[in-house]
Amino acid sequence: MYVALEGIDTAGKSTQISLLKEAFPQGIFTLEPGGSKLGVRLREILLEGEFSLSSRAEFLLFLSDRAEHCSKVLLPNRDKLIISDRSLISGIAYAKSLPLEEVISLNLFATEGYKPDLVVLLELSKEELERRLGEKRQDSIELRGSEYLLEIQKRMIQACERLGVRLLRVDASLQREQIHNKIKKELN
């Protein structure tokens, strides 16, 4: 089973991944971008703001990472429990300046049509998002602001609907154990 944890920045994906590692030690845990050797370098380029990239260049780097990740991590382990911090759902959602159908098509090309069996979306309200952003040093994506990130959250839901991927929506403002129990129940 391929499970993707999705959510906008600060939603708590990393915390939940840590808890899931304890609950499912047999699982394959990975992330996008950065789940492959190439992805580690691309993640640095994309998130540290070293380059001022056009939206198309940024999108193509994410696609390169996704194709490599799928080839080297996802497909070889498709008979196991895979839990990924992000997936093509994020790739589709974050490419909001490009035509949706093209973005979906290119992401499916990068993953050879492989998509999550389940997406767990950790959802944030505007107030909770702004509180969390105010408590941390922001990366180049987070610096785009709360309105941008909330639009991404909406597009994640749309991407799941368009791809026919099963979606579990969880209020990310709940206590981390409550969130963990909801996810664990769905996986069991």
Protein backbone atom coordinates (compact mmCIF):
# COMPACT_ATOMS: atom_id res chain seq x y z
CA MET A 1 0.00 0.00 0.00
CA TYR A 2 1.33 3.42 -1.01
CA VAL A 3 0.26 6.16 1.42
CA ALA A 4 1.11 9.83 0.96
CA LEU A 5 0.95 12.34 3.79
CA GLU A 6 0.03 15.67 2.31
CA GLY A 7 -0.54 19.12 3.69
CA ILE A 8 0.74 22.61 3.30
CA ASP A 9 3.89 23.71 5.07
CA THR A 10 3.67 23.54 8.89
CA ALA A 11 0.69 21.11 8.83
CA GLY A 12 2.61 18.52 10.85
CA LYS A 13 3.58 15.93 8.26
CA SER A 14 7.05 15.39 9.74
CA THR A 15 5.62 14.83 13.21
CA GLN A 16 3.14 12.27 11.91
CA ILE A 17 5.80 10.52 9.83
CA SER A 18 7.89 10.12 13.01
CA LEU A 19 4.94 8.59 14.86
CA LEU A 20 4.14 6.30 11.93
CA LYS A 21 7.73 5.03 11.85
CA GLU A 22 7.23 3.75 15.38
CA ALA A 23 3.82 2.24 14.60
CA PHE A 24 4.84 0.63 11.29
CA PRO A 25 8.56 -0.25 11.56
CA GLN A 26 8.25 -2.57 8.55
CA GLY A 27 7.23 0.36 6.32
CA ILE A 28 9.32 2.08 3.69
CA PHE A 29 9.47 5.77 4.62
CA THR A 30 10.40 8.35 2.03
CA LEU A 31 9.82 11.96 1.02
CA GLU A 32 9.41 14.25 -1.97
CA PRO A 33 11.48 16.07 -2.93
CA GLY A 34 14.55 14.33 -1.63
CA GLY A 35 13.75 10.61 -1.54
CA SER A 36 16.57 9.71 -3.93
CA LYS A 37 20.21 10.81 -4.23
CA LEU A 38 19.27 13.22 -7.00
CA GLY A 39 16.31 14.38 -4.95
CA VAL A 40 18.51 15.43 -2.03
CA ARG A 41 20.33 17.94 -4.23
CA LEU A 42 17.15 19.09 -5.98
CA ARG A 43 15.51 19.64 -2.57
CA GLU A 44 18.35 21.99 -1.62
CA ILE A 45 17.97 23.93 -4.86
CA LEU A 46 14.19 24.16 -4.57
CA LEU A 47 13.77 25.01 -0.90
CA GLU A 48 16.79 27.11 -0.02
CA GLY A 49 16.11 29.82 -2.59
CA GLU A 50 19.64 29.77 -3.97
CA PHE A 51 18.25 30.37 -7.46
CA SER A 52 15.36 32.52 -8.56
CA LEU A 53 13.59 29.98 -10.76
CA SER A 54 10.75 30.52 -13.19
CA SER A 55 7.60 28.58 -12.33
CA ARG A 56 8.24 26.20 -15.24
CA ALA A 57 11.85 25.53 -14.23
CA GLU A 58 10.76 24.88 -10.63
CA PHE A 59 8.02 22.53 -11.84
CA LEU A 60 10.42 20.60 -14.07
CA LEU A 61 12.91 20.13 -11.22
CA PHE A 62 10.13 18.73 -9.05
CA LEU A 63 9.16 16.40 -11.92
CA SER A 64 12.77 15.23 -12.27
CA ASP A 65 12.84 14.40 -8.58
CA ARG A 66 9.46 12.64 -8.80
CA ALA A 67 10.53 10.49 -11.77
CA GLU A 68 13.76 9.44 -10.06
CA HIS A 69 11.99 8.81 -6.75
CA CYS A 70 9.36 6.67 -8.42
CA SER A 71 11.94 4.66 -10.35
CA LYS A 72 14.37 4.12 -7.45
CA VAL A 73 12.09 3.99 -4.38
CA LEU A 74 8.37 3.64 -5.07
CA LEU A 75 8.13 1.06 -7.85
CA PRO A 76 10.78 -1.32 -6.43
CA ASN A 77 8.84 -1.37 -3.13
CA ARG A 78 5.28 -1.40 -4.43
CA ASP A 79 4.55 -4.72 -2.68
CA LYS A 80 5.37 -3.15 0.72
CA LEU A 81 3.84 -0.44 2.89
CA ILE A 82 5.24 2.85 1.58
CA ILE A 83 4.61 6.02 3.54
CA SER A 84 5.74 9.18 1.79
CA ASP A 85 6.01 12.74 2.99
CA ARG A 86 4.39 14.31 -0.12
CA SER A 87 3.68 12.85 -3.56
CA LEU A 88 2.49 13.86 -7.00
CA ILE A 89 -0.53 15.43 -5.24
CA SER A 90 1.78 18.20 -3.98
CA GLY A 91 3.39 18.37 -7.41
CA ILE A 92 0.02 19.06 -8.97
CA ALA A 93 -1.13 21.47 -6.26
CA TYR A 94 2.01 23.60 -6.09
CA ALA A 95 2.14 24.09 -9.87
CA LYS A 96 -0.87 26.38 -9.67
CA SER A 97 0.36 28.82 -12.30
CA LEU A 98 0.31 26.10 -14.98
CA PRO A 99 -2.73 24.48 -16.67
CA LEU A 100 -4.14 21.76 -14.39
CA GLU A 101 -4.62 19.08 -17.07
CA GLU A 102 -1.03 19.48 -18.30
CA VAL A 103 0.30 19.33 -14.75
CA ILE A 104 -1.65 16.14 -14.04
CA SER A 105 -0.51 14.55 -17.29
CA LEU A 106 3.16 15.37 -16.72
CA ASN A 107 3.06 14.13 -13.12
CA LEU A 108 1.52 10.84 -14.25
CA PHE A 109 4.24 10.61 -16.90
CA ALA A 110 6.91 11.11 -14.20
CA THR A 111 5.41 8.39 -11.99
CA GLU A 112 4.62 5.99 -14.86
CA GLY A 113 0.99 6.30 -13.76
CA TYR A 114 1.75 5.17 -10.21
CA LYS A 115 -0.18 7.11 -7.60
CA PRO A 116 -0.96 6.73 -3.89
CA ASP A 117 -3.61 4.27 -2.75
CA LEU A 118 -4.42 6.70 0.07
CA VAL A 119 -3.70 10.37 0.65
CA VAL A 120 -3.87 11.67 4.21
CA LEU A 121 -4.35 15.42 4.04
CA LEU A 122 -3.52 17.39 7.18
CA GLU A 123 -5.66 20.51 6.82
CA LEU A 124 -5.04 23.90 8.42
CA SER A 125 -7.30 26.90 8.90
CA LYS A 126 -5.98 30.32 7.96
CA GLU A 127 -5.62 31.32 11.62
CA GLU A 128 -3.71 28.17 12.59
CA LEU A 129 -1.48 28.42 9.52
CA GLU A 130 -0.55 32.04 10.26
CA ARG A 131 0.16 31.21 13.91
CA ARG A 132 2.49 28.37 12.90
CA LEU A 133 4.25 30.38 10.20
CA GLY A 134 4.90 33.14 12.72
CA GLU A 135 6.71 30.71 15.01
CA LYS A 136 9.40 29.55 12.59
CA ARG A 137 12.04 30.58 10.08
CA GLN A 138 10.31 30.35 6.72
CA ASP A 139 11.69 28.69 3.59
CA SER A 140 11.22 30.11 0.09
CA ILE A 141 7.81 28.41 -0.34
CA GLU A 142 6.46 29.53 3.05
CA LEU A 143 7.54 33.11 2.34
CA ARG A 144 4.88 33.20 -0.39
CA GLY A 145 2.29 33.70 2.37
CA SER A 146 -0.80 32.14 3.88
CA GLU A 147 -3.18 32.91 0.99
CA TYR A 148 -0.83 31.13 -1.41
CA LEU A 149 -0.56 28.11 0.90
CA LEU A 150 -4.32 27.88 1.49
CA GLU A 151 -4.89 27.87 -2.28
CA ILE A 152 -2.40 24.99 -2.48
CA GLN A 153 -4.39 23.12 0.17
CA LYS A 154 -7.56 23.48 -1.94
CA ARG A 155 -5.69 22.23 -5.02
CA MET A 156 -4.52 19.14 -3.11
CA ILE A 157 -8.15 18.18 -2.59
CA GLN A 158 -8.92 18.87 -6.25
CA ALA A 159 -5.92 16.78 -7.36
CA CYS A 160 -7.11 13.79 -5.31
CA GLU A 161 -10.59 14.13 -6.78
CA ARG A 162 -9.30 14.39 -10.36
CA LEU A 163 -7.02 11.36 -9.93
CA GLY A 164 -9.62 9.30 -8.09
CA VAL A 165 -7.31 8.80 -5.11
CA ARG A 166 -8.84 7.87 -1.76
CA LEU A 167 -8.55 10.88 0.57
CA LEU A 168 -8.59 11.08 4.36
CA ARG A 169 -8.92 14.70 5.50
CA VAL A 170 -7.70 15.37 9.05
CA ASP A 171 -7.88 18.61 11.02
CA ALA A 172 -4.20 19.43 11.63
CA SER A 173 -5.06 21.55 14.67
CA LEU A 174 -6.00 18.43 16.66
CA GLN A 175 -3.54 17.05 19.18
CA ARG A 176 -0.79 15.07 17.46
CA GLU A 177 -1.89 11.79 19.14
CA GLN A 178 -5.46 12.32 17.91
CA ILE A 179 -4.19 12.83 14.38
CA HIS A 180 -1.91 9.82 14.67
CA ASN A 181 -4.78 7.60 15.85
CA LYS A 182 -6.98 8.67 12.93
CA ILE A 183 -4.20 7.84 10.45
CA LYS A 184 -3.29 4.56 12.15
CA LYS A 185 -6.96 3.48 12.17
CA GLU A 186 -7.18 4.12 8.43
CA LEU A 187 -3.96 2.18 7.74
CA ASN A 188 -5.10 -0.79 9.85
